[in-house]
């Protein structure tokens, strides 16, 4: 489940293509990281994510979940 905080960070950091270019990975990798299908494994990838997103990748994953009511209200 995506959180409100992670959605805001994803939007603020630009498109997946832009983030992929900054991170030196492909867009599919960014998509997997953002959806929670996988996580950055190397220290270098985690450090690059911190620079692009502005916070440690692990902190992004711990943001509070969006409630169904809030998601519906903003849609």
C-alpha atoms as a PDB file:
ATOM      1  CA  UNK A   1       0.000   0.000   0.000  1.00  0.00           C
ATOM      2  CA  UNK A   2       1.329   3.421  -0.902  1.00  0.00           C
ATOM      3  CA  UNK A   3       1.339   6.114   1.715  1.00  0.00           C
ATOM      4  CA  UNK A   4       0.393   9.765   1.430  1.00  0.00           C
ATOM      5  CA  UNK A   5       3.977  10.695   2.255  1.00  0.00           C
ATOM      6  CA  UNK A   6       5.453   8.414  -0.384  1.00  0.00           C
ATOM      7  CA  UNK A   7       3.043   9.708  -3.044  1.00  0.00           C
ATOM      8  CA  UNK A   8       3.995  13.302  -2.216  1.00  0.00           C
ATOM      9  CA  UNK A   9       7.701  12.457  -2.375  1.00  0.00           C
ATOM     10  CA  UNK A  10       7.311  10.655  -5.682  1.00  0.00           C
ATOM     11  CA  UNK A  11       5.553  13.650  -7.235  1.00  0.00           C
ATOM     12  CA  UNK A  12       8.002  16.181  -5.803  1.00  0.00           C
ATOM     13  CA  UNK A  13      11.024  14.287  -7.106  1.00  0.00           C
ATOM     14  CA  UNK A  14       9.785  14.347 -10.729  1.00  0.00           C
ATOM     15  CA  UNK A  15       8.803  11.644 -13.165  1.00  0.00           C
ATOM     16  CA  UNK A  16      10.120   8.107 -12.954  1.00  0.00           C
ATOM     17  CA  UNK A  17      12.167   8.800 -16.092  1.00  0.00           C
ATOM     18  CA  UNK A  18      13.765  11.869 -14.484  1.00  0.00           C
ATOM     19  CA  UNK A  19      14.517   9.998 -11.259  1.00  0.00           C
ATOM     20  CA  UNK A  20      15.936   7.044 -13.191  1.00  0.00           C
ATOM     21  CA  UNK A  21      18.314   9.353 -15.053  1.00  0.00           C
ATOM     22  CA  UNK A  22      19.443  10.992 -11.789  1.00  0.00           C
ATOM     23  CA  UNK A  23      19.853   7.602 -10.090  1.00  0.00           C
ATOM     24  CA  UNK A  24      21.643   5.928 -12.998  1.00  0.00           C
ATOM     25  CA  UNK A  25      19.055   3.136 -13.260  1.00  0.00           C
ATOM     26  CA  UNK A  26      16.238   2.417 -15.694  1.00  0.00           C
ATOM     27  CA  UNK A  27      12.644   3.596 -15.266  1.00  0.00           C
ATOM     28  CA  UNK A  28      11.418   0.070 -14.544  1.00  0.00           C
ATOM     29  CA  UNK A  29      13.749  -0.116 -11.525  1.00  0.00           C
ATOM     30  CA  UNK A  30      12.353   3.157 -10.146  1.00  0.00           C
ATOM     31  CA  UNK A  31       8.821   1.836 -10.695  1.00  0.00           C
ATOM     32  CA  UNK A  32       9.610  -1.342  -8.737  1.00  0.00           C
ATOM     33  CA  UNK A  33      11.166   0.623  -5.892  1.00  0.00           C
ATOM     34  CA  UNK A  34       8.246   3.052  -5.673  1.00  0.00           C
ATOM     35  CA  UNK A  35       5.615   0.309  -5.808  1.00  0.00           C
ATOM     36  CA  UNK A  36       7.379  -1.704  -3.109  1.00  0.00           C
ATOM     37  CA  UNK A  37       8.065  -4.667  -5.415  1.00  0.00           C
ATOM     38  CA  UNK A  38      11.774  -4.337  -4.635  1.00  0.00           C
ATOM     39  CA  UNK A  39      14.147  -2.090  -2.719  1.00  0.00           C
ATOM     40  CA  UNK A  40      17.500  -0.510  -3.491  1.00  0.00           C
ATOM     41  CA  UNK A  41      20.063  -3.117  -2.447  1.00  0.00           C
ATOM     42  CA  UNK A  42      23.413  -1.411  -2.620  1.00  0.00           C
ATOM     43  CA  UNK A  43      24.592   1.367  -0.351  1.00  0.00           C
ATOM     44  CA  UNK A  44      25.200   3.494  -3.444  1.00  0.00           C
ATOM     45  CA  UNK A  45      21.601   3.056  -4.652  1.00  0.00           C
ATOM     46  CA  UNK A  46      20.182   3.852  -1.207  1.00  0.00           C
ATOM     47  CA  UNK A  47      22.420   6.919  -0.948  1.00  0.00           C
ATOM     48  CA  UNK A  48      21.371   8.080  -4.429  1.00  0.00           C
ATOM     49  CA  UNK A  49      17.699   7.671  -3.452  1.00  0.00           C
ATOM     50  CA  UNK A  50      18.318   9.801  -0.378  1.00  0.00           C
ATOM     51  CA  UNK A  51      19.706  12.559  -2.593  1.00  0.00           C
ATOM     52  CA  UNK A  52      16.854  12.367  -5.137  1.00  0.00           C
ATOM     53  CA  UNK A  53      13.951  11.981  -2.689  1.00  0.00           C
ATOM     54  CA  UNK A  54      15.457  14.192   0.016  1.00  0.00           C
ATOM     55  CA  UNK A  55      15.116  11.564   2.775  1.00  0.00           C
ATOM     56  CA  UNK A  56      16.483   8.054   3.350  1.00  0.00           C
ATOM     57  CA  UNK A  57      14.641   5.467   1.236  1.00  0.00           C
ATOM     58  CA  UNK A  58      13.695   3.507   4.367  1.00  0.00           C
ATOM     59  CA  UNK A  59      11.983   6.589   5.846  1.00  0.00           C
ATOM     60  CA  UNK A  60       9.925   6.963   2.677  1.00  0.00           C
ATOM     61  CA  UNK A  61       8.704   3.400   3.091  1.00  0.00           C
ATOM     62  CA  UNK A  62       7.588   4.077   6.712  1.00  0.00           C
ATOM     63  CA  UNK A  63       5.301   7.048   5.914  1.00  0.00           C
ATOM     64  CA  UNK A  64       1.715   6.797   7.192  1.00  0.00           C
ATOM     65  CA  UNK A  65      -0.691   4.895   4.902  1.00  0.00           C
ATOM     66  CA  UNK A  66      -3.449   6.693   3.028  1.00  0.00           C
ATOM     67  CA  UNK A  67      -6.892   5.736   4.307  1.00  0.00           C
ATOM     68  CA  UNK A  68      -9.461   4.572   1.741  1.00  0.00           C
ATOM     69  CA  UNK A  69     -11.687   7.552   2.586  1.00  0.00           C
ATOM     70  CA  UNK A  70      -8.852  10.036   2.081  1.00  0.00           C
ATOM     71  CA  UNK A  71      -7.824   8.416  -1.191  1.00  0.00           C
ATOM     72  CA  UNK A  72     -11.411   8.569  -2.467  1.00  0.00           C
ATOM     73  CA  UNK A  73     -11.873  12.177  -1.359  1.00  0.00           C
ATOM     74  CA  UNK A  74      -8.767  13.341  -3.240  1.00  0.00           C
ATOM     75  CA  UNK A  75      -9.438  11.321  -6.392  1.00  0.00           C
END
